[in-house]
Amino acid sequence: MAASDPATLGANGADETANPEAPQVAALAQYVKDLSVENPSSPQVLQWNEQPQLDVQFNIAVNKIADDVHEVVLKIDASARSASGVHFVLDLSYAGLFGLRNIPEEQLPPFLLVEAPRLLFPFARQVVAHSVQDAGFPPLMLDPIDFAGIYMAQVEAQAQQADGGEQPAGEPTVQ
């Protein structure tokens, strides 16, 4: 077995001289971009015996940072409310930088809107759980999100709109 020259190894340890035109993907960094946790009804909320209604929303934003680098931001908004008032409000923007080289343009949206958020979600879920617990409540354990199913639903919805003459067909946009 021949040893590879360390100078030709990529970030993932693969020998880049073998096929420099091969598609390459690397998670370069992940981080909390913005986090806000509010407990506006404290300390009274700690005495309430009502089960709050949870509302959880999420969104994905993609920003091109450089030719081969994209930032994917998974935004999660969660709140708990009851007849007595607001229990907590949480806003999290959890981001990752992804290096993408030699990826065909038509393959960028599926990766950036499905695979990248899927990789970020477990870490964002942990931040949400710990933040809600640190606010004095039981940890909020978010259910897994089917990013592929949501992506496919968006593609189908855009195709149906195009059939109705409203908009041209295409994939969800990545900027």
N, C-alpha and C. Protein backbone atom coordinates (compact mmCIF):
# COMPACT_ATOMS: atom_id res chain seq x y z
N MET A 1 0.85 -1.17 0.00
CA MET A 1 0.00 0.00 0.00
C MET A 1 0.89 1.23 0.00
N ALA A 2 0.69 2.12 -0.98
CA ALA A 2 1.53 3.30 -1.11
C ALA A 2 0.99 4.42 -0.23
N ALA A 3 1.90 5.16 0.35
CA ALA A 3 1.51 6.30 1.19
C ALA A 3 1.24 7.50 0.30
N SER A 4 0.21 8.27 0.62
CA SER A 4 -0.13 9.48 -0.12
C SER A 4 0.67 10.65 0.41
N ASP A 5 1.00 11.57 -0.49
CA ASP A 5 1.69 12.79 -0.11
C ASP A 5 0.70 13.68 0.65
N PRO A 6 1.01 14.08 1.88
CA PRO A 6 0.07 14.91 2.66
C PRO A 6 -0.33 16.20 1.95
N ALA A 7 0.51 16.71 1.07
CA ALA A 7 0.20 17.96 0.37
C ALA A 7 -0.94 17.79 -0.62
N THR A 8 -1.22 16.55 -1.05
CA THR A 8 -2.28 16.31 -2.03
C THR A 8 -3.58 15.85 -1.39
N LEU A 9 -3.60 15.76 -0.07
CA LEU A 9 -4.81 15.33 0.61
C LEU A 9 -5.74 16.52 0.83
N GLY A 10 -7.01 16.31 0.56
CA GLY A 10 -8.01 17.35 0.78
C GLY A 10 -8.42 17.39 2.24
N ALA A 11 -9.38 18.24 2.53
CA ALA A 11 -9.85 18.41 3.90
C ALA A 11 -10.44 17.13 4.47
N ASN A 12 -11.00 16.29 3.59
CA ASN A 12 -11.60 15.05 4.07
C ASN A 12 -10.62 13.88 4.04
N GLY A 13 -9.36 14.15 3.73
CA GLY A 13 -8.34 13.12 3.72
C GLY A 13 -8.25 12.35 2.41
N ALA A 14 -9.07 12.70 1.42
CA ALA A 14 -9.04 12.01 0.14
C ALA A 14 -7.88 12.54 -0.71
N ASP A 15 -7.31 11.69 -1.51
CA ASP A 15 -6.21 12.05 -2.39
C ASP A 15 -6.79 12.80 -3.59
N GLU A 16 -6.59 14.12 -3.64
CA GLU A 16 -7.17 14.95 -4.69
C GLU A 16 -6.47 14.81 -6.03
N THR A 17 -5.29 14.21 -6.07
CA THR A 17 -4.59 14.03 -7.33
C THR A 17 -5.16 12.87 -8.11
N ALA A 18 -5.90 11.96 -7.48
CA ALA A 18 -6.46 10.80 -8.16
C ALA A 18 -7.43 11.24 -9.26
N ASN A 19 -8.36 12.12 -8.96
CA ASN A 19 -9.31 12.63 -9.93
C ASN A 19 -9.73 14.03 -9.48
N PRO A 20 -8.99 15.06 -9.91
CA PRO A 20 -9.30 16.41 -9.46
C PRO A 20 -10.66 16.92 -9.96
N GLU A 21 -11.28 16.26 -10.95
CA GLU A 21 -12.58 16.67 -11.47
C GLU A 21 -13.73 15.98 -10.77
N ALA A 22 -13.44 15.09 -9.83
CA ALA A 22 -14.50 14.38 -9.10
C ALA A 22 -15.23 15.35 -8.19
N PRO A 23 -16.55 15.16 -8.02
CA PRO A 23 -17.29 16.02 -7.10
C PRO A 23 -16.74 15.89 -5.68
N GLN A 24 -16.64 17.03 -5.00
CA GLN A 24 -16.13 17.05 -3.63
C GLN A 24 -17.04 17.91 -2.77
N VAL A 25 -17.37 17.40 -1.59
CA VAL A 25 -18.22 18.12 -0.64
C VAL A 25 -17.55 18.05 0.71
N ALA A 26 -17.52 19.18 1.41
CA ALA A 26 -16.93 19.21 2.75
C ALA A 26 -17.72 20.18 3.62
N ALA A 27 -17.99 19.75 4.84
CA ALA A 27 -18.57 20.65 5.84
C ALA A 27 -17.39 21.40 6.46
N LEU A 28 -17.32 22.69 6.21
CA LEU A 28 -16.18 23.49 6.65
C LEU A 28 -16.34 24.00 8.08
N ALA A 29 -17.57 24.33 8.46
CA ALA A 29 -17.82 24.86 9.81
C ALA A 29 -19.31 24.80 10.08
N GLN A 30 -19.66 24.82 11.34
CA GLN A 30 -21.06 24.97 11.75
C GLN A 30 -21.08 25.82 13.01
N TYR A 31 -22.16 26.62 13.16
CA TYR A 31 -22.14 27.59 14.25
C TYR A 31 -23.54 28.14 14.50
N VAL A 32 -23.74 28.66 15.70
CA VAL A 32 -24.96 29.40 16.03
C VAL A 32 -24.76 30.80 15.47
N LYS A 33 -25.59 31.15 14.52
CA LYS A 33 -25.51 32.48 13.91
C LYS A 33 -26.30 33.48 14.75
N ASP A 34 -27.44 33.05 15.28
CA ASP A 34 -28.27 33.92 16.10
C ASP A 34 -29.12 33.04 17.02
N LEU A 35 -29.22 33.44 18.28
CA LEU A 35 -30.03 32.70 19.24
C LEU A 35 -30.68 33.69 20.18
N SER A 36 -32.00 33.55 20.32
CA SER A 36 -32.74 34.37 21.25
C SER A 36 -33.72 33.47 21.99
N VAL A 37 -33.68 33.52 23.31
CA VAL A 37 -34.61 32.77 24.14
C VAL A 37 -35.26 33.77 25.10
N GLU A 38 -36.57 33.81 25.08
CA GLU A 38 -37.29 34.73 25.94
C GLU A 38 -38.22 33.95 26.86
N ASN A 39 -38.27 34.38 28.09
CA ASN A 39 -39.14 33.82 29.11
C ASN A 39 -39.92 35.02 29.68
N PRO A 40 -40.82 35.61 28.86
CA PRO A 40 -41.41 36.90 29.22
C PRO A 40 -42.36 36.87 30.41
N SER A 41 -42.89 35.73 30.79
CA SER A 41 -43.86 35.66 31.88
C SER A 41 -43.26 35.14 33.18
N SER A 42 -41.94 35.12 33.24
CA SER A 42 -41.33 34.62 34.47
C SER A 42 -41.43 35.67 35.56
N PRO A 43 -41.54 35.33 36.78
CA PRO A 43 -41.51 33.97 37.33
C PRO A 43 -42.89 33.33 37.41
N GLN A 44 -43.96 34.06 37.06
CA GLN A 44 -45.31 33.51 37.19
C GLN A 44 -45.51 32.23 36.38
N VAL A 45 -44.88 32.16 35.19
CA VAL A 45 -45.07 31.00 34.31
C VAL A 45 -44.67 29.70 35.00
N LEU A 46 -43.75 29.77 35.94
CA LEU A 46 -43.30 28.57 36.64
C LEU A 46 -44.37 28.02 37.59
N GLN A 47 -45.41 28.79 37.85
CA GLN A 47 -46.52 28.36 38.71
C GLN A 47 -47.73 27.88 37.92
N TRP A 48 -47.75 28.12 36.62
CA TRP A 48 -48.90 27.74 35.79
C TRP A 48 -48.95 26.23 35.64
N ASN A 49 -50.15 25.67 35.68
CA ASN A 49 -50.32 24.23 35.54
C ASN A 49 -50.90 23.85 34.18
N GLU A 50 -51.08 24.81 33.31
CA GLU A 50 -51.66 24.55 31.99
C GLU A 50 -50.62 23.95 31.04
N GLN A 51 -51.10 23.08 30.19
CA GLN A 51 -50.25 22.53 29.14
C GLN A 51 -50.23 23.55 27.99
N PRO A 52 -49.07 24.09 27.63
CA PRO A 52 -49.05 25.08 26.55
C PRO A 52 -49.18 24.45 25.17
N GLN A 53 -49.60 25.25 24.23
CA GLN A 53 -49.63 24.86 22.82
C GLN A 53 -48.28 25.23 22.22
N LEU A 54 -47.63 24.27 21.61
CA LEU A 54 -46.34 24.52 20.97
C LEU A 54 -46.53 24.87 19.51
N ASP A 55 -45.76 25.83 19.05
CA ASP A 55 -45.73 26.20 17.63
C ASP A 55 -44.27 26.20 17.22
N VAL A 56 -43.94 25.37 16.23
CA VAL A 56 -42.58 25.28 15.74
C VAL A 56 -42.59 25.50 14.23
N GLN A 57 -41.79 26.44 13.78
CA GLN A 57 -41.65 26.75 12.36
C GLN A 57 -40.17 26.68 12.00
N PHE A 58 -39.89 26.33 10.75
CA PHE A 58 -38.51 26.36 10.31
C PHE A 58 -38.42 26.88 8.89
N ASN A 59 -37.23 27.33 8.55
CA ASN A 59 -36.96 27.86 7.22
C ASN A 59 -35.50 27.58 6.91
N ILE A 60 -35.18 27.52 5.63
CA ILE A 60 -33.80 27.29 5.20
C ILE A 60 -33.42 28.43 4.27
N ALA A 61 -32.26 29.02 4.53
CA ALA A 61 -31.71 30.06 3.66
C ALA A 61 -30.33 29.60 3.20
N VAL A 62 -30.03 29.91 1.95
CA VAL A 62 -28.73 29.55 1.39
C VAL A 62 -28.10 30.82 0.83
N ASN A 63 -26.85 31.06 1.21
CA ASN A 63 -26.10 32.22 0.73
C ASN A 63 -24.79 31.73 0.12
N LYS A 64 -24.49 32.22 -1.08
CA LYS A 64 -23.22 31.89 -1.71
C LYS A 64 -22.16 32.81 -1.14
N ILE A 65 -21.16 32.24 -0.49
CA ILE A 65 -20.10 33.00 0.16
C ILE A 65 -18.93 33.22 -0.80
N ALA A 66 -18.59 32.20 -1.54
CA ALA A 66 -17.52 32.25 -2.54
C ALA A 66 -17.90 31.27 -3.65
N ASP A 67 -17.05 31.15 -4.67
CA ASP A 67 -17.38 30.26 -5.78
C ASP A 67 -17.71 28.84 -5.33
N ASP A 68 -16.95 28.30 -4.40
CA ASP A 68 -17.14 26.92 -3.97
C ASP A 68 -17.64 26.80 -2.54
N VAL A 69 -18.11 27.90 -1.94
CA VAL A 69 -18.53 27.86 -0.54
C VAL A 69 -19.93 28.46 -0.40
N HIS A 70 -20.81 27.71 0.26
CA HIS A 70 -22.18 28.16 0.52
C HIS A 70 -22.46 28.09 2.02
N GLU A 71 -23.19 29.09 2.50
CA GLU A 71 -23.66 29.06 3.88
C GLU A 71 -25.13 28.62 3.85
N VAL A 72 -25.44 27.60 4.64
CA VAL A 72 -26.81 27.12 4.78
C VAL A 72 -27.25 27.46 6.20
N VAL A 73 -28.37 28.18 6.32
CA VAL A 73 -28.88 28.61 7.62
C VAL A 73 -30.22 27.93 7.86
N LEU A 74 -30.28 27.14 8.93
CA LEU A 74 -31.51 26.51 9.36
C LEU A 74 -32.09 27.38 10.47
N LYS A 75 -33.23 28.01 10.17
CA LYS A 75 -33.87 28.92 11.14
C LYS A 75 -35.03 28.18 11.78
N ILE A 76 -35.03 28.14 13.11
CA ILE A 76 -36.08 27.48 13.87
C ILE A 76 -36.70 28.50 14.82
N ASP A 77 -38.01 28.65 14.73
CA ASP A 77 -38.77 29.51 15.63
C ASP A 77 -39.71 28.60 16.41
N ALA A 78 -39.65 28.66 17.73
CA ALA A 78 -40.52 27.85 18.58
C ALA A 78 -41.11 28.72 19.67
N SER A 79 -42.38 28.47 19.97
CA SER A 79 -43.00 29.20 21.07
C SER A 79 -43.99 28.28 21.77
N ALA A 80 -44.20 28.57 23.05
CA ALA A 80 -45.19 27.84 23.86
C ALA A 80 -46.10 28.88 24.48
N ARG A 81 -47.43 28.71 24.28
CA ARG A 81 -48.41 29.67 24.78
C ARG A 81 -49.60 28.92 25.36
N SER A 82 -50.21 29.52 26.34
CA SER A 82 -51.43 28.98 26.92
C SER A 82 -52.38 30.14 27.18
N ALA A 83 -53.54 29.84 27.74
CA ALA A 83 -54.52 30.89 28.04
C ALA A 83 -53.95 31.89 29.04
N SER A 84 -53.02 31.45 29.87
CA SER A 84 -52.42 32.35 30.87
C SER A 84 -51.40 33.30 30.26
N GLY A 85 -50.83 32.94 29.12
CA GLY A 85 -49.84 33.81 28.48
C GLY A 85 -48.75 33.03 27.77
N VAL A 86 -47.68 33.74 27.48
CA VAL A 86 -46.54 33.17 26.76
C VAL A 86 -45.62 32.47 27.76
N HIS A 87 -45.31 31.22 27.48
CA HIS A 87 -44.39 30.46 28.33
C HIS A 87 -42.94 30.77 27.90
N PHE A 88 -42.64 30.55 26.61
CA PHE A 88 -41.32 30.90 26.09
C PHE A 88 -41.39 31.13 24.60
N VAL A 89 -40.38 31.85 24.10
CA VAL A 89 -40.20 32.09 22.67
C VAL A 89 -38.73 31.86 22.37
N LEU A 90 -38.45 31.07 21.35
CA LEU A 90 -37.07 30.76 20.96
C LEU A 90 -36.91 31.01 19.46
N ASP A 91 -35.85 31.71 19.09
CA ASP A 91 -35.47 31.92 17.69
C ASP A 91 -34.03 31.49 17.54
N LEU A 92 -33.78 30.53 16.66
CA LEU A 92 -32.43 30.03 16.43
C LEU A 92 -32.13 30.07 14.94
N SER A 93 -30.97 30.61 14.60
CA SER A 93 -30.42 30.48 13.25
C SER A 93 -29.12 29.70 13.40
N TYR A 94 -29.13 28.45 12.94
CA TYR A 94 -27.97 27.58 13.05
C TYR A 94 -27.44 27.38 11.64
N ALA A 95 -26.16 27.68 11.45
CA ALA A 95 -25.61 27.71 10.09
C ALA A 95 -24.43 26.76 9.92
N GLY A 96 -24.18 26.46 8.67
CA GLY A 96 -23.02 25.67 8.31
C GLY A 96 -22.43 26.19 7.02
N LEU A 97 -21.11 26.11 6.92
CA LEU A 97 -20.42 26.44 5.67
C LEU A 97 -20.07 25.14 4.98
N PHE A 98 -20.42 25.05 3.71
CA PHE A 98 -20.17 23.84 2.94
C PHE A 98 -19.35 24.18 1.71
N GLY A 99 -18.26 23.44 1.55
CA GLY A 99 -17.44 23.58 0.36
C GLY A 99 -17.91 22.57 -0.67
N LEU A 100 -18.23 23.05 -1.86
CA LEU A 100 -18.73 22.20 -2.94
C LEU A 100 -17.90 22.45 -4.17
N ARG A 101 -17.24 21.42 -4.64
CA ARG A 101 -16.38 21.56 -5.82
C ARG A 101 -16.79 20.51 -6.85
N ASN A 102 -16.86 20.95 -8.10
CA ASN A 102 -17.17 20.07 -9.23
C ASN A 102 -18.56 19.44 -9.11
N ILE A 103 -19.50 20.18 -8.56
CA ILE A 103 -20.88 19.72 -8.44
C ILE A 103 -21.66 20.36 -9.58
N PRO A 104 -22.37 19.56 -10.38
CA PRO A 104 -23.18 20.17 -11.45
C PRO A 104 -24.21 21.13 -10.87
N GLU A 105 -24.45 22.21 -11.59
CA GLU A 105 -25.35 23.28 -11.12
C GLU A 105 -26.73 22.74 -10.73
N GLU A 106 -27.25 21.77 -11.48
CA GLU A 106 -28.57 21.23 -11.18
C GLU A 106 -28.59 20.37 -9.91
N GLN A 107 -27.42 19.99 -9.42
CA GLN A 107 -27.33 19.20 -8.19
C GLN A 107 -27.14 20.06 -6.94
N LEU A 108 -26.89 21.35 -7.10
CA LEU A 108 -26.72 22.23 -5.95
C LEU A 108 -27.98 22.35 -5.09
N PRO A 109 -29.15 22.66 -5.66
CA PRO A 109 -30.34 22.79 -4.80
C PRO A 109 -30.64 21.55 -3.96
N PRO A 110 -30.61 20.33 -4.55
CA PRO A 110 -30.89 19.17 -3.69
C PRO A 110 -29.91 19.03 -2.54
N PHE A 111 -28.64 19.32 -2.77
CA PHE A 111 -27.68 19.21 -1.67
C PHE A 111 -27.91 20.31 -0.64
N LEU A 112 -28.01 21.55 -1.11
CA LEU A 112 -28.09 22.69 -0.19
C LEU A 112 -29.42 22.79 0.54
N LEU A 113 -30.49 22.25 -0.03
CA LEU A 113 -31.81 22.36 0.61
C LEU A 113 -32.27 21.05 1.26
N VAL A 114 -31.53 19.96 1.05
CA VAL A 114 -31.90 18.68 1.66
C VAL A 114 -30.77 18.14 2.53
N GLU A 115 -29.64 17.85 1.92
CA GLU A 115 -28.55 17.19 2.65
C GLU A 115 -27.89 18.10 3.68
N ALA A 116 -27.62 19.33 3.32
CA ALA A 116 -26.97 20.24 4.28
C ALA A 116 -27.85 20.48 5.51
N PRO A 117 -29.14 20.80 5.35
CA PRO A 117 -29.98 20.95 6.55
C PRO A 117 -30.10 19.65 7.36
N ARG A 118 -30.11 18.52 6.66
CA ARG A 118 -30.18 17.23 7.36
C ARG A 118 -28.95 17.02 8.23
N LEU A 119 -27.80 17.49 7.77
CA LEU A 119 -26.57 17.38 8.55
C LEU A 119 -26.57 18.36 9.73
N LEU A 120 -27.15 19.53 9.55
CA LEU A 120 -27.17 20.55 10.60
C LEU A 120 -28.23 20.29 11.67
N PHE A 121 -29.33 19.64 11.29
CA PHE A 121 -30.48 19.53 12.18
C PHE A 121 -30.18 18.91 13.55
N PRO A 122 -29.44 17.81 13.66
CA PRO A 122 -29.22 17.25 15.00
C PRO A 122 -28.53 18.23 15.96
N PHE A 123 -27.65 19.05 15.44
CA PHE A 123 -26.95 20.02 16.28
C PHE A 123 -27.88 21.17 16.66
N ALA A 124 -28.69 21.63 15.71
CA ALA A 124 -29.68 22.67 16.01
C ALA A 124 -30.71 22.16 17.01
N ARG A 125 -31.10 20.91 16.88
CA ARG A 125 -32.06 20.30 17.80
C ARG A 125 -31.52 20.31 19.22
N GLN A 126 -30.23 20.02 19.35
CA GLN A 126 -29.60 20.01 20.67
C GLN A 126 -29.58 21.42 21.26
N VAL A 127 -29.27 22.42 20.45
CA VAL A 127 -29.25 23.81 20.93
C VAL A 127 -30.64 24.21 21.41
N VAL A 128 -31.68 23.84 20.66
CA VAL A 128 -33.06 24.16 21.05
C VAL A 128 -33.39 23.49 22.39
N ALA A 129 -33.10 22.22 22.51
CA ALA A 129 -33.43 21.48 23.74
C ALA A 129 -32.74 22.08 24.95
N HIS A 130 -31.47 22.37 24.83
CA HIS A 130 -30.72 22.92 25.95
C HIS A 130 -31.16 24.34 26.29
N SER A 131 -31.46 25.13 25.27
CA SER A 131 -31.86 26.52 25.51
C SER A 131 -33.20 26.60 26.22
N VAL A 132 -34.15 25.77 25.81
CA VAL A 132 -35.46 25.76 26.46
C VAL A 132 -35.31 25.25 27.89
N GLN A 133 -34.48 24.25 28.09
CA GLN A 133 -34.25 23.73 29.44
C GLN A 133 -33.57 24.79 30.31
N ASP A 134 -32.62 25.53 29.76
CA ASP A 134 -31.95 26.59 30.51
C ASP A 134 -32.91 27.73 30.89
N ALA A 135 -34.03 27.85 30.13
CA ALA A 135 -35.03 28.86 30.45
C ALA A 135 -35.97 28.39 31.57
N GLY A 136 -35.78 27.16 32.05
CA GLY A 136 -36.58 26.67 33.17
C GLY A 136 -37.70 25.71 32.80
N PHE A 137 -37.71 25.24 31.56
CA PHE A 137 -38.77 24.35 31.08
C PHE A 137 -38.18 22.98 30.74
N PRO A 138 -39.04 21.98 30.58
CA PRO A 138 -38.52 20.69 30.09
C PRO A 138 -37.92 20.89 28.70
N PRO A 139 -36.88 20.14 28.35
CA PRO A 139 -36.26 20.32 27.04
C PRO A 139 -37.26 20.08 25.91
N LEU A 140 -37.20 20.90 24.89
CA LEU A 140 -38.05 20.75 23.71
C LEU A 140 -37.30 19.86 22.72
N MET A 141 -37.75 18.63 22.56
CA MET A 141 -37.11 17.69 21.64
C MET A 141 -37.87 17.71 20.32
N LEU A 142 -37.30 18.36 19.33
CA LEU A 142 -37.94 18.49 18.03
C LEU A 142 -37.96 17.15 17.31
N ASP A 143 -39.07 16.88 16.63
CA ASP A 143 -39.17 15.67 15.81
C ASP A 143 -38.29 15.85 14.58
N PRO A 144 -37.78 14.74 14.03
CA PRO A 144 -36.99 14.84 12.79
C PRO A 144 -37.82 15.49 11.68
N ILE A 145 -37.13 16.17 10.78
CA ILE A 145 -37.77 16.85 9.66
C ILE A 145 -37.40 16.13 8.38
N ASP A 146 -38.38 15.86 7.54
CA ASP A 146 -38.15 15.20 6.26
C ASP A 146 -37.82 16.26 5.21
N PHE A 147 -36.57 16.68 5.18
CA PHE A 147 -36.17 17.74 4.24
C PHE A 147 -36.34 17.31 2.79
N ALA A 148 -36.10 16.04 2.49
CA ALA A 148 -36.27 15.55 1.12
C ALA A 148 -37.73 15.62 0.70
N GLY A 149 -38.64 15.20 1.58
CA GLY A 149 -40.06 15.26 1.26
C GLY A 149 -40.54 16.68 1.04
N ILE A 150 -40.07 17.60 1.87
CA ILE A 150 -40.46 19.00 1.72
C ILE A 150 -39.91 19.57 0.42
N TYR A 151 -38.68 19.23 0.09
CA TYR A 151 -38.06 19.69 -1.16
C TYR A 151 -38.86 19.18 -2.36
N MET A 152 -39.20 17.89 -2.34
CA MET A 152 -39.95 17.32 -3.46
C MET A 152 -41.33 17.95 -3.58
N ALA A 153 -41.97 18.25 -2.46
CA ALA A 153 -43.28 18.91 -2.48
C ALA A 153 -43.16 20.30 -3.11
N GLN A 154 -42.08 21.01 -2.81
CA GLN A 154 -41.87 22.34 -3.40
C GLN A 154 -41.66 22.23 -4.91
N VAL A 155 -40.87 21.25 -5.34
CA VAL A 155 -40.62 21.06 -6.76
C VAL A 155 -41.93 20.74 -7.48
N GLU A 156 -42.74 19.85 -6.90
CA GLU A 156 -44.02 19.49 -7.50
C GLU A 156 -44.97 20.70 -7.54
N ALA A 157 -45.00 21.49 -6.48
CA ALA A 157 -45.87 22.67 -6.44
C ALA A 157 -45.46 23.66 -7.52
N GLN A 158 -44.17 23.83 -7.71
CA GLN A 158 -43.71 24.75 -8.76
C GLN A 158 -44.06 24.22 -10.14
N ALA A 159 -43.99 22.91 -10.32
CA ALA A 159 -44.35 22.31 -11.61
C ALA A 159 -45.85 22.50 -11.88
N GLN A 160 -46.68 22.36 -10.86
CA GLN A 160 -48.12 22.55 -11.02
C GLN A 160 -48.44 24.01 -11.33
N GLN A 161 -47.73 24.94 -10.70
CA GLN A 161 -47.94 26.35 -10.99
C GLN A 161 -47.58 26.64 -12.44
N ALA A 162 -46.52 26.00 -12.92
CA ALA A 162 -46.09 26.20 -14.31
C ALA A 162 -47.15 25.66 -15.27
N ASP A 163 -47.79 24.54 -14.92
CA ASP A 163 -48.84 23.99 -15.77
C ASP A 163 -50.03 24.93 -15.83
N GLY A 164 -50.25 25.68 -14.76
CA GLY A 164 -51.35 26.65 -14.72
C GLY A 164 -50.98 27.97 -15.37
N GLY A 165 -49.73 28.10 -15.81
CA GLY A 165 -49.29 29.30 -16.48
C GLY A 165 -48.87 30.41 -15.55
N GLU A 166 -48.73 30.12 -14.26
CA GLU A 166 -48.41 31.18 -13.31
C GLU A 166 -46.92 31.50 -13.28
N GLN A 167 -46.09 30.45 -13.17
CA GLN A 167 -44.65 30.66 -13.07
C GLN A 167 -43.95 29.56 -13.86
N PRO A 168 -42.70 29.82 -14.31
CA PRO A 168 -41.96 28.76 -14.96
C PRO A 168 -41.57 27.69 -13.95
N ALA A 169 -41.49 26.45 -14.44
CA ALA A 169 -41.09 25.34 -13.57
C ALA A 169 -39.63 25.45 -13.22
N GLY A 170 -39.27 24.85 -12.14
CA GLY A 170 -37.88 24.85 -11.71
C GLY A 170 -37.78 24.33 -10.30
N GLU A 171 -36.58 24.31 -9.80
CA GLU A 171 -36.37 23.83 -8.46
C GLU A 171 -36.40 25.01 -7.51
N PRO A 172 -36.61 24.75 -6.22
CA PRO A 172 -36.52 25.84 -5.26
C PRO A 172 -35.19 26.57 -5.43
N THR A 173 -35.23 27.87 -5.27
CA THR A 173 -34.06 28.67 -5.59
C THR A 173 -33.00 28.62 -4.50
N VAL A 174 -31.77 28.70 -4.95
CA VAL A 174 -30.60 28.79 -4.07
C VAL A 174 -29.85 30.02 -4.50
N GLN A 175 -29.60 30.93 -3.57
CA GLN A 175 -28.87 32.16 -3.91
C GLN A 175 -27.46 32.08 -3.41
